[in-house]
């Protein structure tokens, strides 16, 4: 029986790609996880459907391929790459999203659980929107970010803190967005009911700086301003089920809704609901 921790947000979509990529800060800090017991290697393919705020009319579809590879006794290489499609009143964009590559290192192991540290990169591999579509339609955030995490996992409880340090400004010509850094706190509980493994978790993210965008004026186009309210606190609740099919294959399903979310959605990360399903292959 595969004993894969559900510490990943089923993300992965997508330390914030990646079943729940959009509920976090996109293929970033939320995809850093630590498993107290896991197979040597695993590959996960997830489909994620999300809806943005009703006022924007945005719909999101993502296919996310996640990999977890045990390289040493206490070390894992984590990678995630999404393919995303965004549809809305202004048009649609489809393409590869931002790639996440991270290292998970177990530092303490006891009979009750283990503590791990994570570090990684989110790379701006998504293409820049053309044709006048704003940043929220883009498949990626347009910046190369540093990811850091500290995670604890036992057979029933898991918790993590993470930090995503943004670097640079998106080349999207409408917004030219520069995001603030993100701090993350996640706590969750998982159990086993017969062979089904349900889990629930709370995910809190604080944007540590306001989003900064280009200000279009008659005489100049290189003036920038901070958007009021773009550094709000957000909290999401997520539930998932892991359903074993065989010794090496499992299915997962998940749902996420916001309890508290930012009103300003220039980066396209706000969701009113996220639903996902996927298949996990362990080897």
Protein backbone atom coordinates (compact mmCIF):
# COMPACT_ATOMS: atom_id res chain seq x y z
CA UNK A 1 0.00 0.00 0.00
CA UNK A 2 1.39 3.36 -0.94
CA UNK A 3 1.85 5.67 2.05
CA UNK A 4 2.08 9.03 0.39
CA UNK A 5 1.52 12.02 2.62
CA UNK A 6 -1.23 14.38 1.54
CA UNK A 7 0.90 17.29 2.69
CA UNK A 8 1.04 18.52 -0.91
CA UNK A 9 -2.08 20.47 -1.79
CA UNK A 10 -3.13 17.58 -4.04
CA UNK A 11 -1.09 20.91 -6.19
CA UNK A 12 0.41 20.19 -6.16
CA UNK A 13 -1.41 21.89 -8.83
CA UNK A 14 0.88 23.73 -8.52
CA UNK A 15 6.82 26.70 -0.65
CA UNK A 16 3.68 28.36 -2.40
CA UNK A 17 2.05 24.38 -8.94
CA UNK A 18 0.05 21.54 -7.93
CA UNK A 19 -3.38 20.91 -7.71
CA UNK A 20 -4.20 24.08 -5.82
CA UNK A 21 -1.74 26.36 -7.54
CA UNK A 22 -4.28 29.10 -7.93
CA UNK A 23 -5.30 29.05 -4.31
CA UNK A 24 -1.71 29.79 -3.39
CA UNK A 25 0.74 32.07 -5.07
CA UNK A 26 0.97 30.08 -8.23
CA UNK A 27 3.38 27.22 -8.63
CA UNK A 28 5.29 28.46 -5.70
CA UNK A 29 5.55 28.09 -1.95
CA UNK A 30 2.45 25.90 -1.63
CA UNK A 31 4.06 23.21 -3.72
CA UNK A 32 6.86 22.65 -1.21
CA UNK A 33 5.90 19.66 0.90
CA UNK A 34 7.47 17.17 3.24
CA UNK A 35 6.32 13.55 3.57
CA UNK A 36 6.93 11.53 6.71
CA UNK A 37 6.54 8.32 4.72
CA UNK A 38 6.69 8.15 0.96
CA UNK A 39 7.71 5.85 -1.89
CA UNK A 40 11.07 6.11 -3.54
CA UNK A 41 9.65 8.14 -6.42
CA UNK A 42 6.25 9.33 -7.57
CA UNK A 43 4.65 11.09 -10.52
CA UNK A 44 1.31 12.87 -10.24
CA UNK A 45 -0.88 14.24 -13.02
CA UNK A 46 -3.61 16.60 -11.79
CA UNK A 47 -6.44 18.44 -13.50
CA UNK A 48 -7.60 21.60 -11.74
CA UNK A 49 -10.62 23.76 -12.48
CA UNK A 50 -11.00 27.17 -10.90
CA UNK A 51 -13.29 30.18 -11.07
CA UNK A 52 -12.24 33.71 -10.33
CA UNK A 53 -14.31 36.46 -8.82
CA UNK A 54 -17.78 36.77 -10.37
CA UNK A 55 -17.06 40.39 -11.36
CA UNK A 56 -14.17 39.26 -13.60
CA UNK A 57 -15.78 36.20 -15.22
CA UNK A 58 -12.49 34.28 -15.39
CA UNK A 59 -12.33 30.49 -15.65
CA UNK A 60 -9.10 28.52 -15.19
CA UNK A 61 -8.14 25.03 -16.35
CA UNK A 62 -4.78 23.43 -15.54
CA UNK A 63 -3.00 20.15 -16.11
CA UNK A 64 -0.10 19.80 -13.69
CA UNK A 65 2.66 17.20 -13.78
CA UNK A 66 4.42 16.79 -10.43
CA UNK A 67 7.43 14.65 -9.66
CA UNK A 68 8.97 13.62 -6.34
CA UNK A 69 12.27 11.72 -6.53
CA UNK A 70 14.17 10.35 -3.56
CA UNK A 71 17.84 10.91 -4.34
CA UNK A 72 19.32 10.07 -0.93
CA UNK A 73 18.01 8.49 2.26
CA UNK A 74 16.68 11.78 3.61
CA UNK A 75 16.52 13.97 0.50
CA UNK A 76 13.99 14.48 -2.29
CA UNK A 77 13.93 16.48 -5.49
CA UNK A 78 10.51 18.02 -6.21
CA UNK A 79 9.48 19.40 -9.61
CA UNK A 80 6.20 20.72 -10.97
CA UNK A 81 5.19 22.06 -14.37
CA UNK A 82 1.63 23.17 -15.25
CA UNK A 83 -0.15 23.71 -18.54
CA UNK A 84 -2.90 26.28 -18.05
CA UNK A 85 -5.76 27.88 -19.93
CA UNK A 86 -7.53 31.08 -18.83
CA UNK A 87 -10.85 32.22 -20.32
CA UNK A 88 -12.65 35.48 -19.68
CA UNK A 89 -14.58 38.38 -21.27
CA UNK A 90 -11.37 39.89 -22.70
CA UNK A 91 -10.13 36.72 -24.41
CA UNK A 92 -8.21 33.54 -23.62
CA UNK A 93 -4.62 32.43 -23.07
CA UNK A 94 -3.22 28.90 -23.09
CA UNK A 95 0.27 27.59 -22.50
CA UNK A 96 2.91 26.22 -20.15
CA UNK A 97 2.98 27.90 -16.75
CA UNK A 98 5.84 28.55 -14.34
CA UNK A 99 8.21 25.67 -13.49
CA UNK A 100 8.97 24.88 -9.84
CA UNK A 101 12.09 22.95 -8.79
CA UNK A 102 12.82 22.38 -5.10
CA UNK A 103 14.85 20.30 -2.64
CA UNK A 104 13.33 18.70 0.48
CA UNK A 105 15.79 17.69 3.20
CA UNK A 106 14.76 15.74 6.31
CA UNK A 107 16.66 17.10 9.30
CA UNK A 108 14.97 15.35 12.25
CA UNK A 109 13.18 11.99 12.35
CA UNK A 110 11.40 10.48 15.36
CA UNK A 111 8.88 7.71 15.89
CA UNK A 112 6.11 10.32 15.76
CA UNK A 113 7.09 12.25 12.62
CA UNK A 114 9.79 14.17 10.85
CA UNK A 115 10.91 17.74 10.26
CA UNK A 116 12.13 18.92 6.88
CA UNK A 117 13.48 22.06 5.27
CA UNK A 118 12.85 23.03 1.67
CA UNK A 119 14.40 25.44 -0.80
CA UNK A 120 13.61 25.98 -4.44
CA UNK A 121 12.98 28.19 -7.43
CA UNK A 122 9.90 29.24 -9.34
CA UNK A 123 11.01 30.01 -12.89
CA UNK A 124 9.10 32.30 -15.24
CA UNK A 125 8.71 29.76 -18.05
CA UNK A 126 5.22 30.94 -19.05
CA UNK A 127 5.05 33.14 -22.14
CA UNK A 128 4.07 36.78 -21.80
CA UNK A 129 0.53 37.73 -22.86
CA UNK A 130 0.24 39.51 -26.19
CA UNK A 131 -2.70 41.31 -27.74
CA UNK A 132 -3.55 43.55 -24.81
CA UNK A 133 -4.57 40.93 -22.21
CA UNK A 134 -3.70 41.79 -18.60
CA UNK A 135 -1.57 39.82 -16.16
CA UNK A 136 -4.51 37.90 -14.64
CA UNK A 137 -4.99 36.10 -17.98
CA UNK A 138 -1.33 35.01 -18.08
CA UNK A 139 -0.37 31.37 -17.40
CA UNK A 140 2.46 32.43 -15.08
CA UNK A 141 3.49 35.28 -12.81
CA UNK A 142 6.37 36.52 -14.95
CA UNK A 143 9.04 36.55 -12.21
CA UNK A 144 11.80 34.23 -11.03
CA UNK A 145 11.20 33.65 -7.31
CA UNK A 146 13.06 32.04 -4.41
CA UNK A 147 11.15 29.57 -2.21
CA UNK A 148 11.89 28.54 1.37
CA UNK A 149 9.97 26.22 3.69
CA UNK A 150 10.01 24.45 7.04
CA UNK A 151 7.62 21.50 7.35
CA UNK A 152 6.56 18.90 9.90
CA UNK A 153 4.62 15.74 9.05
CA UNK A 154 3.38 12.82 11.11
CA UNK A 155 0.95 10.04 10.25
CA UNK A 156 -2.00 12.31 11.08
CA UNK A 157 -0.87 15.96 11.39
CA UNK A 158 1.16 18.22 9.16
CA UNK A 159 2.19 21.85 9.30
CA UNK A 160 4.47 24.15 7.38
CA UNK A 161 5.65 27.71 7.06
CA UNK A 162 6.99 29.11 3.81
CA UNK A 163 8.32 32.22 2.19
CA UNK A 164 8.28 33.24 -1.46
CA UNK A 165 10.73 36.02 -2.35
CA UNK A 166 9.70 37.62 -5.62
CA UNK A 167 12.33 38.87 -8.00
CA UNK A 168 11.66 41.28 -10.83
CA UNK A 169 8.72 42.66 -12.72
CA UNK A 170 6.51 40.83 -15.20
CA UNK A 171 7.02 41.78 -18.85
CA UNK A 172 3.24 41.90 -19.39
CA UNK A 173 2.83 45.26 -21.12
CA UNK A 174 -0.59 46.02 -19.61
CA UNK A 175 0.31 45.70 -15.92
CA UNK A 176 4.11 45.35 -15.70
CA UNK A 177 3.35 43.76 -12.33
CA UNK A 178 5.81 43.54 -9.48
CA UNK A 179 4.36 41.51 -6.61
CA UNK A 180 5.21 41.66 -2.94
CA UNK A 181 6.75 38.68 -1.16
CA UNK A 182 4.44 36.03 0.33
CA UNK A 183 4.51 34.35 3.74
CA UNK A 184 2.55 31.11 4.19
CA UNK A 185 1.25 29.07 7.11
CA UNK A 186 -0.45 25.71 6.57
CA UNK A 187 -1.85 23.23 9.09
CA UNK A 188 -3.78 20.07 8.37
CA UNK A 189 -5.06 16.72 9.54
CA UNK A 190 -5.24 13.42 7.69
CA UNK A 191 -6.59 10.02 8.65
CA UNK A 192 -7.48 6.66 7.11
CA UNK A 193 -11.02 5.36 6.65
CA UNK A 194 -10.76 1.77 5.46
CA UNK A 195 -8.37 2.34 2.51
CA UNK A 196 -9.40 5.93 1.78
CA UNK A 197 -7.22 8.73 3.13
CA UNK A 198 -9.13 12.00 3.67
CA UNK A 199 -7.42 15.21 4.75
CA UNK A 200 -8.38 18.79 5.53
CA UNK A 201 -6.16 21.82 5.88
CA UNK A 202 -6.16 25.55 6.41
CA UNK A 203 -3.85 27.63 4.28
CA UNK A 204 -3.07 31.23 5.21
CA UNK A 205 -1.04 33.58 3.00
CA UNK A 206 0.01 37.13 3.76
CA UNK A 207 1.25 39.35 0.93
CA UNK A 208 4.03 41.37 2.53
CA UNK A 209 4.01 44.21 0.03
CA UNK A 210 1.55 45.86 -2.32
CA UNK A 211 1.35 44.95 -5.98
CA UNK A 212 3.05 47.60 -8.10
CA UNK A 213 1.86 48.25 -11.68
CA UNK A 214 2.56 50.63 -14.53
CA UNK A 215 0.47 53.79 -14.60
CA UNK A 216 -0.72 54.70 -18.09
CA UNK A 217 -0.73 58.48 -18.50
CA UNK A 218 -0.91 60.76 -21.50
CA UNK A 219 2.69 61.90 -21.43
CA UNK A 220 4.58 58.98 -19.93
CA UNK A 221 4.14 55.21 -19.58
CA UNK A 222 6.98 54.47 -17.16
CA UNK A 223 5.37 55.67 -13.93
CA UNK A 224 4.39 53.04 -11.39
CA UNK A 225 2.02 52.94 -8.43
CA UNK A 226 1.15 50.61 -5.57
CA UNK A 227 -2.37 49.19 -5.63
CA UNK A 228 -4.25 49.81 -2.35
CA UNK A 229 -5.51 46.61 -0.74
CA UNK A 230 -3.31 44.29 -2.82
CA UNK A 231 -1.42 43.11 0.29
CA UNK A 232 -4.46 41.69 2.07
CA UNK A 233 -4.45 38.51 4.14
CA UNK A 234 -6.11 35.43 2.65
CA UNK A 235 -7.22 32.11 4.15
CA UNK A 236 -8.30 29.00 2.24
CA UNK A 237 -9.77 25.71 3.44
CA UNK A 238 -8.92 22.62 1.42
CA UNK A 239 -10.17 19.06 1.51
CA UNK A 240 -8.87 16.02 -0.36
CA UNK A 241 -9.27 12.27 -0.67
CA UNK A 242 -6.59 9.77 -1.65
CA UNK A 243 -8.07 6.57 -3.10
CA UNK A 244 -5.72 3.59 -3.57
CA UNK A 245 -6.30 1.62 -6.78
CA UNK A 246 -3.32 -0.72 -6.56
CA UNK A 247 0.01 -0.92 -4.79
CA UNK A 248 1.49 1.68 -7.13
CA UNK A 249 -1.49 3.74 -8.32
CA UNK A 250 -3.81 6.03 -6.39
CA UNK A 251 -6.42 8.61 -7.32
CA UNK A 252 -6.91 11.93 -5.57
CA UNK A 253 -9.75 14.45 -5.55
CA UNK A 254 -9.75 17.86 -3.92
CA UNK A 255 -11.75 21.03 -3.37
CA UNK A 256 -10.76 24.43 -2.02
CA UNK A 257 -12.73 27.54 -1.09
CA UNK A 258 -11.61 30.86 0.38
CA UNK A 259 -12.59 31.91 3.88
CA UNK A 260 -10.88 35.25 3.40
CA UNK A 261 -9.42 36.54 0.15
CA UNK A 262 -7.85 39.63 -1.38
CA UNK A 263 -10.18 41.98 -3.21
CA UNK A 264 -7.48 43.10 -5.65
CA UNK A 265 -6.75 40.38 -8.23
CA UNK A 266 -4.24 41.91 -10.62
CA UNK A 267 -2.02 38.78 -10.45
CA UNK A 268 -4.91 36.41 -11.27
CA UNK A 269 -4.51 34.23 -8.16
CA UNK A 270 -7.91 34.83 -6.54
CA UNK A 271 -10.39 31.94 -6.80
CA UNK A 272 -13.98 31.64 -5.63
CA UNK A 273 -13.68 27.83 -5.85
CA UNK A 274 -11.10 25.28 -6.98
CA UNK A 275 -11.83 21.64 -7.86
CA UNK A 276 -9.30 19.03 -8.88
CA UNK A 277 -8.60 15.37 -9.50
CA UNK A 278 -5.51 13.39 -10.39
CA UNK A 279 -3.62 10.12 -10.54
CA UNK A 280 -0.50 9.24 -8.53
CA UNK A 281 1.99 6.63 -9.74
CA UNK A 282 4.60 5.45 -7.20
CA UNK A 283 7.69 3.46 -8.07
